[in-house]
Amino acid sequence: MIYGYELIIDLEECKNITKGSLRNFIIELCKSIGMKRFREPQIVYFGSDRFKGYSIFQFITTSSIVGHFTKKEAFINIFSCKEFDKNKTIKFCLDWFKTKKSKNKFLRR
């Protein structure tokens, strides 16, 4: 039995990583893949040295989207009980952050 789907996306050489851009990213990503957001995304800037950056969390009605961002890297996890198009999701992220460098993993849980 499958309980959910998880897409792990790691991006390199990203552009467009600002607090405002990340807020817009999560809102538009949810629209693009048909996920209904629950409340506003949480976006926090913290950390130290190389790992200083933004972390975001967005509840969706079928689970959550989490991301961690340094100056030029993005690490995004999308978990949902509802199926979604992994290729469309990856393309959206590549386009948003203006990069072609990614590693992805898709799990059925």
N, C-alpha and C. Protein backbone atom coordinates (compact mmCIF):
# COMPACT_ATOMS: atom_id res chain seq x y z
N MET A 1 0.85 -1.18 0.00
CA MET A 1 0.00 0.00 0.00
C MET A 1 0.89 1.24 0.00
N ILE A 2 0.55 2.22 -0.81
CA ILE A 2 1.29 3.48 -0.87
C ILE A 2 0.56 4.53 -0.04
N TYR A 3 1.30 5.17 0.88
CA TYR A 3 0.72 6.20 1.73
C TYR A 3 1.04 7.60 1.25
N GLY A 4 2.07 7.72 0.44
CA GLY A 4 2.43 9.05 -0.03
C GLY A 4 3.59 9.02 -0.99
N TYR A 5 3.91 10.19 -1.48
CA TYR A 5 4.95 10.37 -2.49
C TYR A 5 5.88 11.47 -2.00
N GLU A 6 7.18 11.22 -2.13
CA GLU A 6 8.15 12.22 -1.70
C GLU A 6 9.13 12.49 -2.84
N LEU A 7 9.30 13.77 -3.13
CA LEU A 7 10.26 14.20 -4.14
C LEU A 7 11.33 15.02 -3.43
N ILE A 8 12.57 14.61 -3.62
CA ILE A 8 13.72 15.30 -3.04
C ILE A 8 14.47 15.95 -4.19
N ILE A 9 14.65 17.26 -4.12
CA ILE A 9 15.30 18.01 -5.18
C ILE A 9 16.47 18.79 -4.58
N ASP A 10 17.65 18.56 -5.10
CA ASP A 10 18.85 19.32 -4.71
C ASP A 10 19.30 20.11 -5.93
N LEU A 11 19.40 21.43 -5.77
CA LEU A 11 19.79 22.31 -6.88
C LEU A 11 21.09 23.02 -6.55
N GLU A 12 21.90 23.24 -7.58
CA GLU A 12 23.16 23.98 -7.44
C GLU A 12 23.12 25.20 -8.35
N GLU A 13 23.99 26.16 -8.05
CA GLU A 13 24.15 27.37 -8.86
C GLU A 13 22.82 28.11 -9.08
N CYS A 14 22.06 28.23 -8.00
CA CYS A 14 20.75 28.89 -8.04
C CYS A 14 20.89 30.41 -8.06
N LYS A 15 19.91 31.02 -8.65
CA LYS A 15 19.73 32.47 -8.57
C LYS A 15 18.36 32.68 -7.94
N ASN A 16 18.04 33.89 -7.56
CA ASN A 16 16.68 34.20 -7.12
C ASN A 16 16.37 33.70 -5.71
N ILE A 17 17.39 33.64 -4.83
CA ILE A 17 17.13 33.20 -3.46
C ILE A 17 17.09 34.42 -2.54
N THR A 18 15.89 34.91 -2.31
CA THR A 18 15.63 35.99 -1.35
C THR A 18 14.37 35.62 -0.57
N LYS A 19 14.14 36.25 0.54
CA LYS A 19 12.95 35.93 1.33
C LYS A 19 11.67 36.12 0.52
N GLY A 20 11.58 37.23 -0.19
CA GLY A 20 10.39 37.50 -1.00
C GLY A 20 10.22 36.50 -2.13
N SER A 21 11.32 36.17 -2.77
CA SER A 21 11.27 35.21 -3.87
C SER A 21 10.87 33.82 -3.37
N LEU A 22 11.34 33.44 -2.18
CA LEU A 22 11.00 32.13 -1.64
C LEU A 22 9.52 32.06 -1.27
N ARG A 23 8.98 33.15 -0.76
CA ARG A 23 7.54 33.18 -0.46
C ARG A 23 6.74 33.00 -1.75
N ASN A 24 7.12 33.74 -2.79
CA ASN A 24 6.43 33.60 -4.08
C ASN A 24 6.64 32.21 -4.68
N PHE A 25 7.84 31.67 -4.52
CA PHE A 25 8.15 30.33 -5.02
C PHE A 25 7.19 29.30 -4.45
N ILE A 26 7.02 29.29 -3.14
CA ILE A 26 6.19 28.26 -2.52
C ILE A 26 4.73 28.41 -2.91
N ILE A 27 4.26 29.65 -3.02
CA ILE A 27 2.88 29.89 -3.43
C ILE A 27 2.66 29.41 -4.86
N GLU A 28 3.56 29.78 -5.76
CA GLU A 28 3.41 29.40 -7.17
C GLU A 28 3.65 27.91 -7.38
N LEU A 29 4.58 27.31 -6.63
CA LEU A 29 4.81 25.87 -6.73
C LEU A 29 3.54 25.11 -6.38
N CYS A 30 2.90 25.49 -5.28
CA CYS A 30 1.67 24.83 -4.86
C CYS A 30 0.59 24.94 -5.93
N LYS A 31 0.45 26.11 -6.53
CA LYS A 31 -0.52 26.29 -7.62
C LYS A 31 -0.16 25.38 -8.79
N SER A 32 1.11 25.36 -9.14
CA SER A 32 1.57 24.61 -10.31
C SER A 32 1.32 23.10 -10.19
N ILE A 33 1.49 22.55 -8.99
CA ILE A 33 1.34 21.10 -8.83
C ILE A 33 0.02 20.70 -8.17
N GLY A 34 -0.87 21.67 -8.02
CA GLY A 34 -2.22 21.36 -7.53
C GLY A 34 -2.30 21.04 -6.05
N MET A 35 -1.46 21.69 -5.26
CA MET A 35 -1.50 21.48 -3.81
C MET A 35 -2.17 22.67 -3.13
N LYS A 36 -3.01 22.39 -2.15
CA LYS A 36 -3.71 23.44 -1.43
C LYS A 36 -2.92 23.80 -0.18
N ARG A 37 -2.49 25.06 -0.10
CA ARG A 37 -1.72 25.52 1.05
C ARG A 37 -2.61 25.68 2.28
N PHE A 38 -2.05 25.43 3.44
CA PHE A 38 -2.72 25.69 4.71
C PHE A 38 -1.91 26.75 5.43
N ARG A 39 -2.46 27.93 5.55
CA ARG A 39 -1.81 29.09 6.15
C ARG A 39 -0.64 29.58 5.31
N GLU A 40 0.03 30.58 5.83
CA GLU A 40 1.17 31.19 5.13
C GLU A 40 2.43 30.35 5.33
N PRO A 41 3.35 30.41 4.40
CA PRO A 41 4.61 29.69 4.59
C PRO A 41 5.44 30.33 5.71
N GLN A 42 6.18 29.50 6.40
CA GLN A 42 7.12 30.00 7.40
C GLN A 42 8.49 30.09 6.73
N ILE A 43 9.12 31.25 6.84
CA ILE A 43 10.42 31.46 6.23
C ILE A 43 11.34 32.07 7.29
N VAL A 44 12.45 31.40 7.57
CA VAL A 44 13.37 31.83 8.61
C VAL A 44 14.79 31.84 8.06
N TYR A 45 15.56 32.89 8.41
CA TYR A 45 16.97 32.99 8.02
C TYR A 45 17.82 32.71 9.26
N PHE A 46 18.67 31.70 9.19
CA PHE A 46 19.52 31.38 10.34
C PHE A 46 20.64 30.44 9.91
N GLY A 47 21.45 30.01 10.86
CA GLY A 47 22.55 29.09 10.60
C GLY A 47 23.89 29.76 10.83
N SER A 48 24.95 29.09 10.38
CA SER A 48 26.29 29.65 10.53
C SER A 48 27.16 29.22 9.36
N ASP A 49 28.14 30.06 9.09
CA ASP A 49 29.14 29.78 8.05
C ASP A 49 28.49 29.39 6.72
N ARG A 50 28.97 28.33 6.13
CA ARG A 50 28.49 27.88 4.82
C ARG A 50 27.00 27.51 4.85
N PHE A 51 26.48 27.14 6.01
CA PHE A 51 25.13 26.65 6.11
C PHE A 51 24.12 27.74 6.50
N LYS A 52 24.54 28.98 6.47
CA LYS A 52 23.64 30.08 6.78
C LYS A 52 22.72 30.29 5.58
N GLY A 53 21.44 30.43 5.86
CA GLY A 53 20.50 30.64 4.78
C GLY A 53 19.07 30.59 5.26
N TYR A 54 18.16 30.42 4.32
CA TYR A 54 16.73 30.38 4.60
C TYR A 54 16.25 28.95 4.72
N SER A 55 15.30 28.75 5.61
CA SER A 55 14.55 27.50 5.67
C SER A 55 13.08 27.88 5.53
N ILE A 56 12.35 27.10 4.75
CA ILE A 56 10.92 27.36 4.58
C ILE A 56 10.13 26.11 4.93
N PHE A 57 8.92 26.34 5.39
CA PHE A 57 8.00 25.24 5.67
C PHE A 57 6.62 25.68 5.24
N GLN A 58 5.97 24.82 4.46
CA GLN A 58 4.60 25.09 4.03
C GLN A 58 3.75 23.86 4.28
N PHE A 59 2.76 23.99 5.18
CA PHE A 59 1.77 22.93 5.30
C PHE A 59 0.95 22.92 4.03
N ILE A 60 0.64 21.73 3.54
CA ILE A 60 -0.35 21.59 2.48
C ILE A 60 -1.39 20.61 3.02
N THR A 61 -2.59 20.63 2.47
CA THR A 61 -3.65 19.81 3.05
C THR A 61 -3.33 18.32 3.01
N THR A 62 -2.39 17.93 2.16
CA THR A 62 -2.02 16.52 2.07
C THR A 62 -0.66 16.21 2.69
N SER A 63 0.02 17.17 3.29
CA SER A 63 1.25 16.99 4.05
C SER A 63 2.06 18.28 4.11
N SER A 64 3.29 18.32 3.49
CA SER A 64 4.11 19.52 3.64
C SER A 64 5.18 19.64 2.56
N ILE A 65 5.68 20.86 2.45
CA ILE A 65 6.83 21.16 1.59
C ILE A 65 7.85 21.87 2.46
N VAL A 66 9.09 21.38 2.42
CA VAL A 66 10.17 21.92 3.23
C VAL A 66 11.34 22.26 2.31
N GLY A 67 12.01 23.37 2.59
CA GLY A 67 13.17 23.72 1.79
C GLY A 67 14.23 24.40 2.63
N HIS A 68 15.47 24.18 2.25
CA HIS A 68 16.61 24.83 2.89
C HIS A 68 17.46 25.43 1.78
N PHE A 69 17.89 26.68 1.96
CA PHE A 69 18.54 27.42 0.89
C PHE A 69 19.77 28.15 1.41
N THR A 70 20.90 27.95 0.73
CA THR A 70 22.09 28.74 1.00
C THR A 70 22.13 29.82 -0.07
N LYS A 71 23.26 30.49 -0.25
CA LYS A 71 23.33 31.55 -1.27
C LYS A 71 23.06 31.03 -2.67
N LYS A 72 23.51 29.82 -2.99
CA LYS A 72 23.37 29.31 -4.36
C LYS A 72 22.89 27.87 -4.42
N GLU A 73 22.41 27.33 -3.30
CA GLU A 73 21.95 25.95 -3.28
C GLU A 73 20.54 25.88 -2.71
N ALA A 74 19.78 24.90 -3.21
CA ALA A 74 18.43 24.67 -2.72
C ALA A 74 18.24 23.18 -2.47
N PHE A 75 17.64 22.86 -1.33
CA PHE A 75 17.36 21.48 -0.95
C PHE A 75 15.87 21.43 -0.59
N ILE A 76 15.08 20.81 -1.45
CA ILE A 76 13.62 20.87 -1.35
C ILE A 76 13.06 19.47 -1.19
N ASN A 77 12.13 19.30 -0.24
CA ASN A 77 11.43 18.04 -0.04
C ASN A 77 9.93 18.30 -0.13
N ILE A 78 9.27 17.54 -0.97
CA ILE A 78 7.82 17.63 -1.09
C ILE A 78 7.26 16.26 -0.75
N PHE A 79 6.42 16.21 0.28
CA PHE A 79 5.77 14.96 0.65
C PHE A 79 4.27 15.18 0.62
N SER A 80 3.57 14.25 -0.05
CA SER A 80 2.13 14.39 -0.17
C SER A 80 1.47 13.03 -0.29
N CYS A 81 0.31 12.89 0.34
CA CYS A 81 -0.50 11.69 0.15
C CYS A 81 -1.14 11.72 -1.24
N LYS A 82 -1.29 12.92 -1.78
CA LYS A 82 -1.87 13.11 -3.11
C LYS A 82 -0.75 13.00 -4.15
N GLU A 83 -1.00 12.24 -5.20
CA GLU A 83 -0.01 12.10 -6.27
C GLU A 83 0.20 13.44 -6.97
N PHE A 84 1.42 13.68 -7.44
CA PHE A 84 1.73 14.90 -8.19
C PHE A 84 2.74 14.57 -9.26
N ASP A 85 2.83 15.44 -10.25
CA ASP A 85 3.72 15.22 -11.40
C ASP A 85 5.14 15.60 -11.03
N LYS A 86 6.00 14.60 -10.84
CA LYS A 86 7.37 14.87 -10.40
C LYS A 86 8.16 15.63 -11.45
N ASN A 87 7.97 15.32 -12.72
CA ASN A 87 8.73 16.01 -13.78
C ASN A 87 8.34 17.48 -13.89
N LYS A 88 7.05 17.75 -13.78
CA LYS A 88 6.58 19.14 -13.81
C LYS A 88 7.13 19.91 -12.60
N THR A 89 7.18 19.25 -11.46
CA THR A 89 7.69 19.87 -10.24
C THR A 89 9.18 20.20 -10.36
N ILE A 90 9.95 19.25 -10.87
CA ILE A 90 11.39 19.48 -11.06
C ILE A 90 11.62 20.62 -12.03
N LYS A 91 10.90 20.63 -13.14
CA LYS A 91 11.06 21.70 -14.14
C LYS A 91 10.71 23.05 -13.53
N PHE A 92 9.64 23.11 -12.76
CA PHE A 92 9.25 24.36 -12.11
C PHE A 92 10.39 24.88 -11.24
N CYS A 93 10.99 24.01 -10.44
CA CYS A 93 12.08 24.41 -9.55
C CYS A 93 13.31 24.85 -10.34
N LEU A 94 13.68 24.11 -11.36
CA LEU A 94 14.82 24.49 -12.20
C LEU A 94 14.61 25.86 -12.82
N ASP A 95 13.42 26.09 -13.35
CA ASP A 95 13.11 27.37 -13.99
C ASP A 95 13.10 28.50 -12.96
N TRP A 96 12.48 28.27 -11.82
CA TRP A 96 12.36 29.32 -10.80
C TRP A 96 13.73 29.81 -10.33
N PHE A 97 14.61 28.85 -10.08
CA PHE A 97 15.93 29.19 -9.56
C PHE A 97 16.99 29.34 -10.65
N LYS A 98 16.54 29.33 -11.90
CA LYS A 98 17.41 29.60 -13.06
C LYS A 98 18.69 28.76 -13.04
N THR A 99 18.50 27.45 -12.92
CA THR A 99 19.64 26.54 -12.93
C THR A 99 19.31 25.29 -13.73
N LYS A 100 20.32 24.57 -14.12
CA LYS A 100 20.14 23.30 -14.81
C LYS A 100 20.79 22.17 -14.03
N LYS A 101 21.40 22.51 -12.90
CA LYS A 101 22.11 21.51 -12.10
C LYS A 101 21.24 21.00 -10.97
N SER A 102 20.83 19.74 -11.09
CA SER A 102 19.99 19.17 -10.03
C SER A 102 20.25 17.68 -9.85
N LYS A 103 19.95 17.22 -8.65
CA LYS A 103 19.90 15.79 -8.32
C LYS A 103 18.52 15.58 -7.72
N ASN A 104 17.85 14.52 -8.13
CA ASN A 104 16.49 14.29 -7.68
C ASN A 104 16.29 12.84 -7.29
N LYS A 105 15.40 12.65 -6.34
CA LYS A 105 15.03 11.30 -5.93
C LYS A 105 13.53 11.29 -5.65
N PHE A 106 12.84 10.27 -6.14
CA PHE A 106 11.40 10.17 -5.95
C PHE A 106 11.10 8.85 -5.22
N LEU A 107 10.33 8.95 -4.15
CA LEU A 107 10.01 7.79 -3.33
C LEU A 107 8.50 7.59 -3.24
N ARG A 108 8.10 6.34 -3.25
CA ARG A 108 6.73 5.97 -2.90
C ARG A 108 6.83 5.38 -1.51
N ARG A 109 6.04 5.91 -0.58
CA ARG A 109 6.19 5.48 0.82
C ARG A 109 4.94 4.76 1.30
